[in-house]
Each structure stands twice: as C-alpha cells, then as structure tokens.
Amino acid sequence: MRASLVVIPTYNEAESIGIILDGLKNLDVDVLVIDDGSPDGTADIVRMHNVEVIKREGKQGLGSAYRTGFSIGIQRGYTYIIEMDADGSHRVQDLEKMMEWIGSADLLIGSRWVADGGITNWSKFREYLSKSANTYANLLLSLRVKDTTSGFRIYTTDLLKKMEVSSIRSEGYCFQIEMTRRAIARGDRSLKFQSLLLKESMARARCPLL
C-alpha cells in the first residue's frame, strides 16, 4: 500500500476514465474509483485496468461518493487522500506538480483562480459564473480562498478525521465549499494553494456552470 490514495467518482465516464488511469500508473499512488452504476460500462473499464472500483446502485451524488472514498481511505490507513475528477478536467501532470507540495499543509487545492492558474475552452459567461460563485461563497463564509469549488485536492487523513466528513450532507460544488469551510475551521496548519491549468476540452462537468 502506498501513502496516497486517489479517489475518483464516476458516472458514465467510459470515454475518459481509461486515459486518466493510464496516466496515474506513473505516479506513486493507489487509486479507488466510486462508480454510481454507470450504464456505459465505466466500471468494467476500470476493472480492465486492474484498479479497484466500488460500484453503487444508482446515482447517489458527488459528495456521497467522496464520503465513501474518504471513509475507505481512512480505514485502510492512507496518509493522504486525493480528490480527482474522471472527466478529463483534472490533468495527471498537474497532480504530479501538486504532489511535490505533499507534507507542507493539511490541504492542497488545485486552483484555477490564482497566479499561473486558468482554464481553457470555457465561455466568458461560464468563467464569470464560476468566479462569481467563489466570490459569493467567500463573502458569505469569510473563507479567503480563491477557488472554493475546486474538486482537485489533496487532504491529509488526519485533517479529514477532524473534519468529521460523514456529517457533511452537501452535494455537488456545495460539498466542496462546505469541505473548504470545515477544513479552515479544523485545520492546524495553513492551507496551501497550488495553481493549475484546468483543461475543459474533454470535460462534461457535473455542474456545468461552476
């Protein structure tokens, strides 16, 4: 068992999941896929790559998938648990850069809205909505975090235990905002924010406007 576990929620990601898993083979991580009963054979592709997949009945949501993955990772004794999307929006090469910062903070966030970060293939309208959502969340909750909705993260399991993630009932991007809020409230060390270039050419975002 390695020190880091990548948790990837999936639903109908047959087009992209194989590419992601091939790339992750080159990193020092274990991978766990949480599949919500994808009818397109996503789970079968994952098994063909010799990667563990938990196949659940029906679409239970992003937050639920991460809660399941976090629980398994904590029970198995991993030191770090990584959030990563399966749709191609989170690149393996960016994760590799983020992992260079492992151990420096309780939570590393791959942020689109810091210096050297960014996005491609987004409309101006979508970019405006995403930035507005982050601004609103920061004003409402006083988070002082550039990208509260980012789902590209590395947590220490020690922090996740303190956060009592099982009690968080939010879904979608609200889940990420609540996770950010709770991490700030219960973390012992300063959060680190690693910039990334979010590639959207393959992505079919679960909440397209954020």
Protein backbone atom coordinates (compact mmCIF):
# COMPACT_ATOMS: atom_id res chain seq x y z
CA MET A 1 0.00 0.00 0.00
CA ARG A 2 1.26 3.45 -0.91
CA ALA A 3 0.92 6.59 1.21
CA SER A 4 -1.57 8.32 -1.12
CA LEU A 5 -4.98 7.23 -2.38
CA VAL A 6 -6.68 8.91 -5.35
CA VAL A 7 -10.48 8.79 -5.05
CA ILE A 8 -12.31 9.22 -8.36
CA PRO A 9 -16.13 9.39 -8.51
CA THR A 10 -17.58 8.27 -11.84
CA TYR A 11 -20.85 8.22 -13.73
CA ASN A 12 -20.74 7.47 -17.45
CA GLU A 13 -17.04 8.28 -17.86
CA ALA A 14 -16.18 5.47 -20.32
CA GLU A 15 -14.63 7.94 -22.79
CA SER A 16 -12.09 9.37 -20.36
CA ILE A 17 -11.54 7.07 -17.38
CA GLY A 18 -9.06 4.80 -19.17
CA ILE A 19 -6.85 7.75 -20.11
CA ILE A 20 -6.85 9.01 -16.52
CA LEU A 21 -5.99 5.60 -15.09
CA ASP A 22 -3.19 5.07 -17.61
CA GLY A 23 -1.64 8.36 -16.52
CA LEU A 24 -1.98 7.61 -12.82
CA LYS A 25 0.01 4.39 -13.23
CA ASN A 26 3.12 6.58 -13.48
CA LEU A 27 2.53 8.20 -10.07
CA ASP A 28 3.22 6.79 -6.61
CA VAL A 29 -0.47 6.47 -5.71
CA ASP A 30 -3.17 3.88 -5.25
CA VAL A 31 -6.49 4.51 -6.99
CA LEU A 32 -10.06 3.86 -5.87
CA VAL A 33 -12.99 4.52 -8.21
CA ILE A 34 -16.50 5.04 -6.81
CA ASP A 35 -18.95 4.34 -9.63
CA ASP A 36 -22.64 5.15 -9.35
CA GLY A 37 -23.92 2.35 -11.55
CA SER A 38 -22.75 3.83 -14.87
CA PRO A 39 -24.71 2.17 -17.71
CA ASP A 40 -21.90 2.89 -20.20
CA GLY A 41 -19.51 0.28 -18.77
CA THR A 42 -17.25 2.66 -16.86
CA ALA A 43 -16.77 0.13 -14.03
CA ASP A 44 -15.76 -2.59 -16.49
CA ILE A 45 -13.07 -0.34 -17.99
CA VAL A 46 -11.74 0.38 -14.50
CA ARG A 47 -11.50 -3.35 -13.74
CA MET A 48 -9.70 -3.92 -17.04
CA HIS A 49 -7.04 -1.52 -15.76
CA ASN A 50 -6.70 -3.60 -12.58
CA VAL A 51 -7.97 -0.72 -10.47
CA GLU A 52 -10.35 -1.20 -7.57
CA VAL A 53 -13.89 0.03 -8.16
CA ILE A 54 -16.80 0.28 -5.74
CA LYS A 55 -19.97 0.00 -7.82
CA ARG A 56 -23.00 1.52 -6.15
CA GLU A 57 -26.65 1.25 -7.09
CA GLY A 58 -27.92 4.37 -8.81
CA LYS A 59 -26.59 7.91 -8.96
CA GLN A 60 -26.03 8.92 -5.34
CA GLY A 61 -24.05 12.11 -5.89
CA LEU A 62 -20.53 13.52 -5.82
CA GLY A 63 -20.47 14.27 -2.11
CA SER A 64 -21.70 10.80 -1.25
CA ALA A 65 -19.03 9.24 -3.47
CA TYR A 66 -16.26 11.20 -1.78
CA ARG A 67 -17.59 10.40 1.69
CA THR A 68 -17.43 6.72 0.77
CA GLY A 69 -13.91 7.03 -0.63
CA PHE A 70 -12.64 9.07 2.31
CA SER A 71 -14.02 6.54 4.77
CA ILE A 72 -12.30 3.65 2.98
CA GLY A 73 -9.02 5.55 2.73
CA ILE A 74 -9.04 6.43 6.42
CA GLN A 75 -9.91 2.87 7.45
CA ARG A 76 -7.05 1.49 5.38
CA GLY A 77 -4.51 3.85 6.91
CA TYR A 78 -3.54 6.09 3.99
CA THR A 79 -1.67 9.28 4.89
CA TYR A 80 -3.07 11.39 2.05
CA ILE A 81 -6.33 11.22 0.12
CA ILE A 82 -6.63 12.93 -3.24
CA GLU A 83 -9.80 14.15 -4.97
CA MET A 84 -9.74 13.95 -8.75
CA ASP A 85 -12.42 14.09 -11.47
CA ALA A 86 -12.67 11.43 -14.14
CA ASP A 87 -13.90 13.63 -16.98
CA GLY A 88 -10.50 14.92 -18.10
CA SER A 89 -10.72 18.34 -16.45
CA HIS A 90 -8.03 17.38 -13.92
CA ARG A 91 -4.76 16.50 -15.58
CA VAL A 92 -2.33 13.93 -14.25
CA GLN A 93 0.62 16.24 -14.92
CA ASP A 94 -0.99 18.85 -12.66
CA LEU A 95 -1.46 16.28 -9.92
CA GLU A 96 2.21 15.40 -10.23
CA LYS A 97 3.07 19.06 -9.58
CA MET A 98 0.68 19.24 -6.63
CA MET A 99 2.25 16.15 -5.08
CA GLU A 100 5.57 17.97 -4.86
CA TRP A 101 3.90 20.02 -2.09
CA ILE A 102 2.69 16.99 -0.11
CA GLY A 103 3.51 17.30 3.57
CA SER A 104 3.60 21.10 3.53
CA ALA A 105 -0.03 21.60 4.52
CA ASP A 106 -3.16 19.81 5.68
CA LEU A 107 -4.92 20.63 2.41
CA LEU A 108 -3.62 21.43 -1.06
CA ILE A 109 -6.11 22.88 -3.54
CA GLY A 110 -5.53 22.94 -7.27
CA SER A 111 -6.85 26.40 -8.03
CA ARG A 112 -7.92 27.92 -11.34
CA TRP A 113 -8.03 31.44 -9.95
CA VAL A 114 -4.53 32.07 -8.63
CA ALA A 115 -1.44 33.35 -10.44
CA ASP A 116 -0.48 30.97 -13.27
CA GLY A 117 -3.76 29.09 -12.93
CA GLY A 118 -6.52 29.25 -15.52
CA ILE A 119 -8.92 27.41 -17.76
CA THR A 120 -9.30 26.62 -21.46
CA ASN A 121 -12.37 26.14 -23.65
CA TRP A 122 -14.68 27.97 -21.26
CA SER A 123 -17.11 30.63 -22.40
CA LYS A 124 -16.78 34.07 -20.82
CA PHE A 125 -20.22 33.53 -19.28
CA ARG A 126 -19.20 30.31 -17.56
CA GLU A 127 -15.97 31.87 -16.32
CA TYR A 128 -17.94 34.80 -14.93
CA LEU A 129 -20.38 32.49 -13.12
CA SER A 130 -17.58 30.42 -11.60
CA LYS A 131 -15.71 33.45 -10.32
CA SER A 132 -18.95 34.97 -9.05
CA ALA A 133 -19.83 31.78 -7.14
CA ASN A 134 -16.40 31.80 -5.49
CA THR A 135 -16.71 35.48 -4.62
CA TYR A 136 -20.17 34.92 -3.14
CA ALA A 137 -19.00 31.92 -1.06
CA ASN A 138 -16.02 33.89 0.24
CA LEU A 139 -18.11 36.90 1.18
CA LEU A 140 -20.81 34.79 2.83
CA LEU A 141 -18.50 32.45 4.73
CA SER A 142 -15.32 34.59 5.06
CA LEU A 143 -13.17 31.78 3.65
CA ARG A 144 -10.49 33.86 1.89
CA VAL A 145 -9.92 31.04 -0.60
CA LYS A 146 -9.53 31.76 -4.32
CA ASP A 147 -11.20 28.58 -5.59
CA THR A 148 -13.71 27.19 -3.10
CA THR A 149 -15.43 24.98 -5.72
CA SER A 150 -12.30 23.23 -6.97
CA GLY A 151 -12.55 19.43 -6.77
CA PHE A 152 -8.83 18.87 -7.30
CA ARG A 153 -7.43 18.47 -3.77
CA ILE A 154 -5.00 16.61 -1.52
CA TYR A 155 -6.06 16.12 2.10
CA THR A 156 -4.16 14.59 4.98
CA THR A 157 -6.22 11.86 6.58
CA ASP A 158 -5.55 13.49 9.95
CA LEU A 159 -7.43 16.57 8.76
CA LEU A 160 -10.29 14.51 7.28
CA LYS A 161 -10.74 12.76 10.62
CA LYS A 162 -11.04 16.12 12.40
CA MET A 163 -13.50 17.36 9.79
CA GLU A 164 -15.99 14.55 10.51
CA VAL A 165 -16.79 14.33 6.80
CA SER A 166 -19.56 11.77 7.32
CA SER A 167 -21.71 14.53 8.82
CA ILE A 168 -21.49 16.71 5.68
CA ARG A 169 -24.65 16.25 3.59
CA SER A 170 -24.00 18.74 0.79
CA GLU A 171 -23.66 17.52 -2.80
CA GLY A 172 -22.03 18.81 -5.96
CA TYR A 173 -20.00 22.00 -5.67
CA CYS A 174 -21.72 22.89 -2.41
CA PHE A 175 -19.90 19.86 -1.00
CA GLN A 176 -16.55 21.37 -1.99
CA ILE A 177 -17.45 24.72 -0.42
CA GLU A 178 -18.50 23.05 2.82
CA MET A 179 -15.34 20.93 2.83
CA THR A 180 -13.29 24.13 2.46
CA ARG A 181 -15.13 25.83 5.30
CA ARG A 182 -14.70 22.88 7.64
CA ALA A 183 -11.04 22.39 6.73
CA ILE A 184 -10.30 26.01 7.66
CA ALA A 185 -12.21 25.65 10.91
CA ARG A 186 -10.44 22.45 12.00
CA GLY A 187 -7.04 22.51 10.30
CA ASP A 188 -3.87 23.02 12.32
CA ARG A 189 -1.63 24.32 9.56
CA SER A 190 -2.00 26.95 6.84
CA LEU A 191 -3.71 25.79 3.68
CA LYS A 192 -1.63 25.74 0.50
CA PHE A 193 -3.00 26.56 -2.94
CA GLN A 194 -1.24 25.11 -5.96
CA SER A 195 -2.19 26.64 -9.31
CA LEU A 196 -3.25 24.52 -12.26
CA LEU A 197 -4.48 24.89 -15.81
CA LEU A 198 -7.93 23.35 -15.92
CA LYS A 199 -8.41 21.61 -19.25
CA GLU A 200 -12.07 21.50 -20.21
CA SER A 201 -11.95 20.09 -23.74
CA MET A 202 -12.92 16.58 -22.54
CA ALA A 203 -14.91 17.60 -19.50
CA ARG A 204 -18.61 17.08 -19.05
CA ALA A 205 -18.91 18.94 -15.77
CA ARG A 206 -21.44 17.63 -13.26
CA CYS A 207 -22.50 21.21 -12.53
CA PRO A 208 -21.73 22.92 -15.86
CA LEU A 209 -21.92 26.49 -14.60
CA LEU A 210 -19.21 26.26 -11.93
